[in-house]
PDB file of all heavy atoms in Angstrom:
ATOM      1  N   ASP A   1      -5.877  -1.893  -8.162  1.00  0.00           N
ATOM      2  CA  ASP A   1      -7.337  -1.482  -8.051  1.00  0.00           C
ATOM      3  C   ASP A   1      -8.275  -2.551  -8.920  1.00  0.00           C
ATOM      4  O   ASP A   1      -7.728  -3.151  -9.765  1.00  0.00           O
ATOM      5  CB  ASP A   1      -7.574  -0.093  -8.536  1.00  0.00           C
ATOM      6  CG  ASP A   1      -7.438   0.238  -9.966  1.00  0.00           C
ATOM      7  OD1 ASP A   1      -6.906  -0.580 -10.701  1.00  0.00           O
ATOM      8  OD2 ASP A   1      -7.532   1.433 -10.319  1.00  0.00           O
ATOM      9  N   SER A   2      -9.526  -2.441  -8.624  1.00  0.00           N
ATOM     10  CA  SER A   2     -10.422  -3.319  -9.177  1.00  0.00           C
ATOM     11  C   SER A   2     -11.913  -2.715  -9.142  1.00  0.00           C
ATOM     12  O   SER A   2     -12.238  -1.997  -8.234  1.00  0.00           O
ATOM     13  CB  SER A   2     -10.518  -4.706  -8.470  1.00  0.00           C
ATOM     14  OG  SER A   2     -11.736  -5.424  -8.813  1.00  0.00           O
ATOM     15  N   ALA A   3     -12.681  -2.881 -10.183  1.00  0.00           N
ATOM     16  CA  ALA A   3     -13.993  -2.329 -10.132  1.00  0.00           C
ATOM     17  C   ALA A   3     -15.041  -3.022  -9.185  1.00  0.00           C
ATOM     18  O   ALA A   3     -15.880  -2.489  -8.676  1.00  0.00           O
ATOM     19  CB  ALA A   3     -14.584  -2.403 -11.609  1.00  0.00           C
ATOM     20  N   ASP A   4     -14.720  -4.386  -8.966  1.00  0.00           N
ATOM     21  CA  ASP A   4     -15.735  -4.995  -8.219  1.00  0.00           C
ATOM     22  C   ASP A   4     -15.171  -5.797  -6.850  1.00  0.00           C
ATOM     23  O   ASP A   4     -15.758  -6.338  -6.002  1.00  0.00           O
ATOM     24  CB  ASP A   4     -16.391  -6.249  -8.840  1.00  0.00           C
ATOM     25  CG  ASP A   4     -15.496  -7.302  -9.378  1.00  0.00           C
ATOM     26  OD1 ASP A   4     -14.340  -7.406  -9.040  1.00  0.00           O
ATOM     27  OD2 ASP A   4     -15.914  -8.139 -10.200  1.00  0.00           O
ATOM     28  N   GLY A   5     -13.851  -5.635  -6.641  1.00  0.00           N
ATOM     29  CA  GLY A   5     -13.114  -6.014  -5.535  1.00  0.00           C
ATOM     30  C   GLY A   5     -12.757  -7.480  -5.411  1.00  0.00           C
ATOM     31  O   GLY A   5     -12.207  -8.028  -4.414  1.00  0.00           O
ATOM     32  N   SER A   6     -13.036  -8.208  -6.506  1.00  0.00           N
ATOM     33  CA  SER A   6     -12.669  -9.568  -6.465  1.00  0.00           C
ATOM     34  C   SER A   6     -11.987 -10.098  -7.884  1.00  0.00           C
ATOM     35  O   SER A   6     -11.329 -11.100  -7.877  1.00  0.00           O
ATOM     36  CB  SER A   6     -13.894 -10.486  -6.284  1.00  0.00           C
ATOM     37  OG  SER A   6     -14.914 -10.194  -7.275  1.00  0.00           O
ATOM     38  N   THR A   7     -12.222  -9.462  -9.001  1.00  0.00           N
ATOM     39  CA  THR A   7     -11.682  -9.667 -10.191  1.00  0.00           C
ATOM     40  C   THR A   7     -11.046  -8.434 -10.941  1.00  0.00           C
ATOM     41  O   THR A   7     -11.464  -7.377 -10.614  1.00  0.00           O
ATOM     42  CB  THR A   7     -12.728 -10.295 -11.148  1.00  0.00           C
ATOM     43  OG1 THR A   7     -13.648  -9.450 -11.465  1.00  0.00           O
ATOM     44  CG2 THR A   7     -13.346 -11.673 -10.587  1.00  0.00           C
ATOM     45  N   GLY A   8     -10.200  -8.710 -11.989  1.00  0.00           N
ATOM     46  CA  GLY A   8      -9.768  -7.526 -12.744  1.00  0.00           C
ATOM     47  C   GLY A   8      -8.835  -6.726 -12.094  1.00  0.00           C
ATOM     48  O   GLY A   8      -8.626  -5.546 -12.543  1.00  0.00           O
ATOM     49  N   TRP A   9      -8.034  -7.231 -11.167  1.00  0.00           N
ATOM     50  CA  TRP A   9      -6.980  -6.381 -10.411  1.00  0.00           C
ATOM     51  C   TRP A   9      -5.953  -5.960 -11.409  1.00  0.00           C
ATOM     52  O   TRP A   9      -5.478  -6.829 -12.178  1.00  0.00           O
ATOM     53  CB  TRP A   9      -6.428  -7.127  -9.222  1.00  0.00           C
ATOM     54  CG  TRP A   9      -7.348  -7.452  -8.082  1.00  0.00           C
ATOM     55  CD1 TRP A   9      -8.031  -8.651  -7.890  1.00  0.00           C
ATOM     56  CD2 TRP A   9      -7.851  -6.493  -7.131  1.00  0.00           C
ATOM     57  NE1 TRP A   9      -8.917  -8.429  -6.886  1.00  0.00           N
ATOM     58  CE2 TRP A   9      -8.746  -7.058  -6.276  1.00  0.00           C
ATOM     59  CE3 TRP A   9      -7.540  -5.262  -6.856  1.00  0.00           C
ATOM     60  CZ2 TRP A   9      -9.419  -6.562  -5.183  1.00  0.00           C
ATOM     61  CZ3 TRP A   9      -8.186  -4.501  -5.736  1.00  0.00           C
ATOM     62  CH2 TRP A   9      -9.117  -5.237  -4.969  1.00  0.00           C
ATOM     63  N   ALA A  10      -5.591  -4.664 -11.247  1.00  0.00           N
ATOM     64  CA  ALA A  10      -4.534  -4.122 -12.166  1.00  0.00           C
ATOM     65  C   ALA A  10      -3.684  -3.084 -11.295  1.00  0.00           C
ATOM     66  O   ALA A  10      -4.176  -2.515 -10.436  1.00  0.00           O
ATOM     67  CB  ALA A  10      -5.113  -3.393 -13.307  1.00  0.00           C
ATOM     68  N   ASP A  11      -2.433  -3.097 -11.616  1.00  0.00           N
ATOM     69  CA  ASP A  11      -1.421  -2.108 -10.804  1.00  0.00           C
ATOM     70  C   ASP A  11      -1.947  -0.680 -11.165  1.00  0.00           C
ATOM     71  O   ASP A  11      -2.264  -0.524 -12.184  1.00  0.00           O
ATOM     72  CB  ASP A  11      -0.138  -2.284 -11.357  1.00  0.00           C
ATOM     73  CG  ASP A  11       0.512  -3.701 -11.139  1.00  0.00           C
ATOM     74  OD1 ASP A  11      -0.138  -4.447 -10.361  1.00  0.00           O
ATOM     75  OD2 ASP A  11       1.599  -3.905 -11.695  1.00  0.00           O
ATOM     76  N   VAL A  12      -1.946   0.151  -9.976  1.00  0.00           N
ATOM     77  CA  VAL A  12      -2.256   1.488 -10.041  1.00  0.00           C
ATOM     78  C   VAL A  12      -0.925   2.339 -10.462  1.00  0.00           C
ATOM     79  O   VAL A  12       0.108   2.029  -9.831  1.00  0.00           O
ATOM     80  CB  VAL A  12      -2.785   1.976  -8.715  1.00  0.00           C
ATOM     81  CG1 VAL A  12      -2.915   3.611  -8.826  1.00  0.00           C
ATOM     82  CG2 VAL A  12      -4.110   1.425  -8.455  1.00  0.00           C
ATOM     83  N   SER A  13      -0.966   3.004 -11.550  1.00  0.00           N
ATOM     84  CA  SER A  13       0.292   3.706 -12.055  1.00  0.00           C
ATOM     85  C   SER A  13       0.920   4.523 -10.923  1.00  0.00           C
ATOM     86  O   SER A  13       0.200   5.352 -10.359  1.00  0.00           O
ATOM     87  CB  SER A  13      -0.185   4.615 -13.140  1.00  0.00           C
ATOM     88  OG  SER A  13       0.952   5.319 -13.702  1.00  0.00           O
ATOM     89  N   GLY A  14       2.139   4.402 -10.696  1.00  0.00           N
ATOM     90  CA  GLY A  14       2.900   5.262  -9.595  1.00  0.00           C
ATOM     91  C   GLY A  14       2.529   4.752  -8.247  1.00  0.00           C
ATOM     92  O   GLY A  14       3.074   5.423  -7.329  1.00  0.00           O
ATOM     93  N   ALA A  15       1.936   3.728  -8.074  1.00  0.00           N
ATOM     94  CA  ALA A  15       1.510   3.395  -6.727  1.00  0.00           C
ATOM     95  C   ALA A  15       2.442   2.070  -6.260  1.00  0.00           C
ATOM     96  O   ALA A  15       1.891   1.092  -5.729  1.00  0.00           O
ATOM     97  CB  ALA A  15       0.076   2.961  -6.578  1.00  0.00           C
ATOM     98  N   THR A  16       3.684   2.261  -6.267  1.00  0.00           N
ATOM     99  CA  THR A  16       4.649   1.118  -5.848  1.00  0.00           C
ATOM    100  C   THR A  16       5.590   1.786  -4.690  1.00  0.00           C
ATOM    101  O   THR A  16       6.128   2.823  -4.992  1.00  0.00           O
ATOM    102  CB  THR A  16       5.446   0.699  -6.926  1.00  0.00           C
ATOM    103  OG1 THR A  16       4.505   0.165  -8.049  1.00  0.00           O
ATOM    104  CG2 THR A  16       6.323  -0.417  -6.532  1.00  0.00           C
ATOM    105  N   PHE A  17       5.687   1.143  -3.560  1.00  0.00           N
ATOM    106  CA  PHE A  17       6.537   1.616  -2.601  1.00  0.00           C
ATOM    107  C   PHE A  17       7.983   1.250  -2.976  1.00  0.00           C
ATOM    108  O   PHE A  17       8.333   0.250  -3.745  1.00  0.00           O
ATOM    109  CB  PHE A  17       6.324   0.932  -1.215  1.00  0.00           C
ATOM    110  CG  PHE A  17       4.940   1.319  -0.602  1.00  0.00           C
ATOM    111  CD1 PHE A  17       3.867   0.531  -0.792  1.00  0.00           C
ATOM    112  CD2 PHE A  17       4.924   2.610   0.102  1.00  0.00           C
ATOM    113  CE1 PHE A  17       2.565   1.026  -0.257  1.00  0.00           C
ATOM    114  CE2 PHE A  17       3.652   2.874   0.695  1.00  0.00           C
ATOM    115  CZ  PHE A  17       2.569   2.055   0.428  1.00  0.00           C
ATOM    116  N   THR A  18       8.976   1.771  -2.358  1.00  0.00           N
ATOM    117  CA  THR A  18      10.385   1.495  -2.657  1.00  0.00           C
ATOM    118  C   THR A  18      10.737   0.167  -1.951  1.00  0.00           C
ATOM    119  O   THR A  18      10.168  -0.175  -0.952  1.00  0.00           O
ATOM    120  CB  THR A  18      11.347   2.661  -1.984  1.00  0.00           C
ATOM    121  OG1 THR A  18      11.069   3.885  -2.594  1.00  0.00           O
ATOM    122  CG2 THR A  18      12.796   2.357  -2.179  1.00  0.00           C
ATOM    123  N   GLN A  19      11.467  -0.639  -2.737  1.00  0.00           N
ATOM    124  CA  GLN A  19      11.734  -1.951  -2.210  1.00  0.00           C
ATOM    125  C   GLN A  19      12.360  -1.942  -0.885  1.00  0.00           C
ATOM    126  O   GLN A  19      13.197  -1.186  -0.612  1.00  0.00           O
ATOM    127  CB  GLN A  19      12.790  -2.628  -3.162  1.00  0.00           C
ATOM    128  CG  GLN A  19      12.974  -4.217  -2.908  1.00  0.00           C
ATOM    129  CD  GLN A  19      13.790  -4.791  -3.911  1.00  0.00           C
ATOM    130  OE1 GLN A  19      15.041  -4.508  -3.975  1.00  0.00           O
ATOM    131  NE2 GLN A  19      13.256  -5.810  -4.608  1.00  0.00           N
ATOM    132  N   VAL A  20      11.896  -2.787   0.017  1.00  0.00           N
ATOM    133  CA  VAL A  20      12.381  -3.000   1.403  1.00  0.00           C
ATOM    134  C   VAL A  20      13.433  -4.202   1.330  1.00  0.00           C
ATOM    135  O   VAL A  20      13.136  -5.174   0.717  1.00  0.00           O
ATOM    136  CB  VAL A  20      11.237  -3.218   2.336  1.00  0.00           C
ATOM    137  CG1 VAL A  20      11.680  -3.389   3.810  1.00  0.00           C
ATOM    138  CG2 VAL A  20      10.238  -2.127   2.265  1.00  0.00           C
ATOM    139  N   VAL A  21      14.523  -3.945   2.064  1.00  0.00           N
ATOM    140  CA  VAL A  21      15.525  -4.987   2.138  1.00  0.00           C
ATOM    141  C   VAL A  21      15.866  -5.334   3.596  1.00  0.00           C
ATOM    142  O   VAL A  21      14.990  -5.572   4.368  1.00  0.00           O
ATOM    143  CB  VAL A  21      16.801  -4.643   1.337  1.00  0.00           C
ATOM    144  CG1 VAL A  21      16.560  -4.748  -0.194  1.00  0.00           C
ATOM    145  CG2 VAL A  21      17.329  -3.287   1.667  1.00  0.00           C
ATOM    146  N   ALA A  22      16.976  -5.127   4.023  1.00  0.00           N
ATOM    147  CA  ALA A  22      17.477  -5.501   5.390  1.00  0.00           C
ATOM    148  C   ALA A  22      17.483  -4.270   6.243  1.00  0.00           C
ATOM    149  O   ALA A  22      18.455  -4.090   7.140  1.00  0.00           O
ATOM    150  CB  ALA A  22      18.854  -6.157   5.423  1.00  0.00           C
ATOM    151  N   ALA A  23      16.607  -3.313   6.150  1.00  0.00           N
ATOM    152  CA  ALA A  23      16.559  -2.169   6.981  1.00  0.00           C
ATOM    153  C   ALA A  23      15.141  -1.821   7.274  1.00  0.00           C
ATOM    154  O   ALA A  23      14.108  -2.170   6.536  1.00  0.00           O
ATOM    155  CB  ALA A  23      17.175  -0.915   6.324  1.00  0.00           C
ATOM    156  N   VAL A  24      14.766  -1.197   8.488  1.00  0.00           N
ATOM    157  CA  VAL A  24      13.447  -0.782   8.864  1.00  0.00           C
ATOM    158  C   VAL A  24      13.013   0.370   7.768  1.00  0.00           C
ATOM    159  O   VAL A  24      13.742   1.067   7.267  1.00  0.00           O
ATOM    160  CB  VAL A  24      13.474  -0.281  10.189  1.00  0.00           C
ATOM    161  CG1 VAL A  24      12.167   0.524  10.541  1.00  0.00           C
ATOM    162  CG2 VAL A  24      13.962  -1.178  11.302  1.00  0.00           C
ATOM    163  N   SER A  25      11.722   0.176   7.520  1.00  0.00           N
ATOM    164  CA  SER A  25      11.127   1.105   6.405  1.00  0.00           C
ATOM    165  C   SER A  25       9.787   1.664   6.878  1.00  0.00           C
ATOM    166  O   SER A  25       8.863   0.884   7.505  1.00  0.00           O
ATOM    167  CB  SER A  25      10.889   0.385   5.156  1.00  0.00           C
ATOM    168  OG  SER A  25      10.586   1.204   4.181  1.00  0.00           O
ATOM    169  N   LEU A  26       9.609   2.939   6.687  1.00  0.00           N
ATOM    170  CA  LEU A  26       8.290   3.654   6.796  1.00  0.00           C
ATOM    171  C   LEU A  26       8.167   4.622   5.638  1.00  0.00           C
ATOM    172  O   LEU A  26       8.948   5.451   5.398  1.00  0.00           O
ATOM    173  CB  LEU A  26       8.305   4.515   8.290  1.00  0.00           C
ATOM    174  CG  LEU A  26       7.064   5.264   8.411  1.00  0.00           C
ATOM    175  CD1 LEU A  26       5.866   4.334   8.459  1.00  0.00           C
ATOM    176  CD2 LEU A  26       7.238   6.006   9.737  1.00  0.00           C
ATOM    177  N   GLN A  27       7.107   4.259   4.832  1.00  0.00           N
ATOM    178  CA  GLN A  27       6.928   5.010   3.574  1.00  0.00           C
ATOM    179  C   GLN A  27       5.469   5.344   3.596  1.00  0.00           C
ATOM    180  O   GLN A  27       4.537   4.576   3.895  1.00  0.00           O
ATOM    181  CB  GLN A  27       7.336   4.055   2.444  1.00  0.00           C
ATOM    182  CG  GLN A  27       8.750   3.436   2.412  1.00  0.00           C
ATOM    183  CD  GLN A  27       8.960   2.700   1.202  1.00  0.00           C
ATOM    184  OE1 GLN A  27       8.718   3.015   0.026  1.00  0.00           O
ATOM    185  NE2 GLN A  27       9.576   1.507   1.538  1.00  0.00           N
ATOM    186  N   SER A  28       5.133   6.341   2.579  1.00  0.00           N
ATOM    187  CA  SER A  28       3.804   6.704   2.316  1.00  0.00           C
ATOM    188  C   SER A  28       3.828   7.001   0.792  1.00  0.00           C
ATOM    189  O   SER A  28       4.645   7.494   0.070  1.00  0.00           O
ATOM    190  CB  SER A  28       3.240   7.765   3.106  1.00  0.00           C
ATOM    191  OG  SER A  28       3.995   8.950   2.796  1.00  0.00           O
ATOM    192  N   LEU A  29       2.606   6.769   0.215  1.00  0.00           N
ATOM    193  CA  LEU A  29       2.230   6.963  -1.158  1.00  0.00           C
ATOM    194  C   LEU A  29       1.044   7.955  -1.188  1.00  0.00           C
ATOM    195  O   LEU A  29       0.119   7.706  -0.470  1.00  0.00           O
ATOM    196  CB  LEU A  29       1.969   5.768  -1.969  1.00  0.00           C
ATOM    197  CG  LEU A  29       3.110   4.770  -2.208  1.00  0.00           C
ATOM    198  CD1 LEU A  29       2.459   3.568  -2.812  1.00  0.00           C
ATOM    199  CD2 LEU A  29       4.168   5.385  -3.060  1.00  0.00           C
ATOM    200  N   SER A  30       0.940   9.004  -1.954  1.00  0.00           N
ATOM    201  CA  SER A  30      -0.195   9.803  -2.201  1.00  0.00           C
ATOM    202  C   SER A  30      -0.922   9.330  -3.459  1.00  0.00           C
ATOM    203  O   SER A  30      -0.267   9.199  -4.513  1.00  0.00           O
ATOM    204  CB  SER A  30       0.186  11.283  -2.336  1.00  0.00           C
ATOM    205  OG  SER A  30       0.810  11.786  -1.145  1.00  0.00           O
ATOM    206  N   LEU A  31      -2.163   9.028  -3.209  1.00  0.00           N
ATOM    207  CA  LEU A  31      -2.946   8.464  -4.380  1.00  0.00           C
ATOM    208  C   LEU A  31      -4.229   9.407  -4.471  1.00  0.00           C
ATOM    209  O   LEU A  31      -4.722   9.941  -3.465  1.00  0.00           O
ATOM    210  CB  LEU A  31      -3.370   7.120  -4.028  1.00  0.00           C
ATOM    211  CG  LEU A  31      -2.249   6.085  -3.763  1.00  0.00           C
ATOM    212  CD1 LEU A  31      -2.912   4.841  -3.188  1.00  0.00           C
ATOM    213  CD2 LEU A  31      -1.408   5.840  -4.886  1.00  0.00           C
ATOM    214  N   ASN A  32      -4.807   9.350  -5.630  1.00  0.00           N
ATOM    215  CA  ASN A  32      -5.891  10.139  -5.890  1.00  0.00           C
ATOM    216  C   ASN A  32      -7.026   9.293  -6.263  1.00  0.00           C
ATOM    217  O   ASN A  32      -7.116   8.405  -7.229  1.00  0.00           O
ATOM    218  CB  ASN A  32      -5.815  11.056  -7.009  1.00  0.00           C
ATOM    219  CG  ASN A  32      -7.041  12.160  -7.188  1.00  0.00           C
ATOM    220  OD1 ASN A  32      -8.075  11.827  -6.841  1.00  0.00           O
ATOM    221  ND2 ASN A  32      -6.745  13.276  -7.631  1.00  0.00           N
ATOM    222  N   THR A  33      -8.159   9.136  -5.373  1.00  0.00           N
ATOM    223  CA  THR A  33      -9.242   8.290  -5.564  1.00  0.00           C
ATOM    224  C   THR A  33     -10.021   8.519  -6.894  1.00  0.00           C
ATOM    225  O   THR A  33     -10.613   7.489  -7.476  1.00  0.00           O
ATOM    226  CB  THR A  33     -10.267   8.322  -4.384  1.00  0.00           C
ATOM    227  OG1 THR A  33     -10.881   9.638  -4.334  1.00  0.00           O
ATOM    228  CG2 THR A  33      -9.616   7.926  -3.108  1.00  0.00           C
ATOM    229  N   ARG A  34      -9.901   9.613  -7.398  1.00  0.00           N
ATOM    230  CA  ARG A  34     -10.617   9.970  -8.643  1.00  0.00           C
ATOM    231  C   ARG A  34     -10.040   9.261  -9.900  1.00  0.00           C
ATOM    232  O   ARG A  34     -10.669   9.197 -10.949  1.00  0.00           O
ATOM    233  CB  ARG A  34     -10.694  11.471  -8.835  1.00  0.00           C
ATOM    234  CG  ARG A  34     -11.522  12.211  -7.842  1.00  0.00           C
ATOM    235  CD  ARG A  34     -11.604  13.660  -8.138  1.00  0.00           C
ATOM    236  NE  ARG A  34     -12.259  14.314  -6.943  1.00  0.00           N
ATOM    237  CZ  ARG A  34     -11.717  15.092  -6.076  1.00  0.00           C
ATOM    238  NH1 ARG A  34     -10.382  15.203  -6.163  1.00  0.00           N
ATOM    239  NH2 ARG A  34     -12.211  15.697  -5.075  1.00  0.00           N
ATOM    240  N   GLY A  35      -8.829   8.844  -9.739  1.00  0.00           N
ATOM    241  CA  GLY A  35      -7.995   8.151 -10.860  1.00  0.00           C
ATOM    242  C   GLY A  35      -8.040   6.672 -10.707  1.00  0.00           C
ATOM    243  O   GLY A  35      -7.333   6.018 -11.470  1.00  0.00           O
TER     244      GLY A  35
END
């Protein structure tokens, strides 16, 4: 996330998908915009 959409990008806590390797993958993450 970023405050202005161009600088200061930082990882959102808990917002990482499971690593994809040599198999098809369909995943979802629930995020809260308030945080």
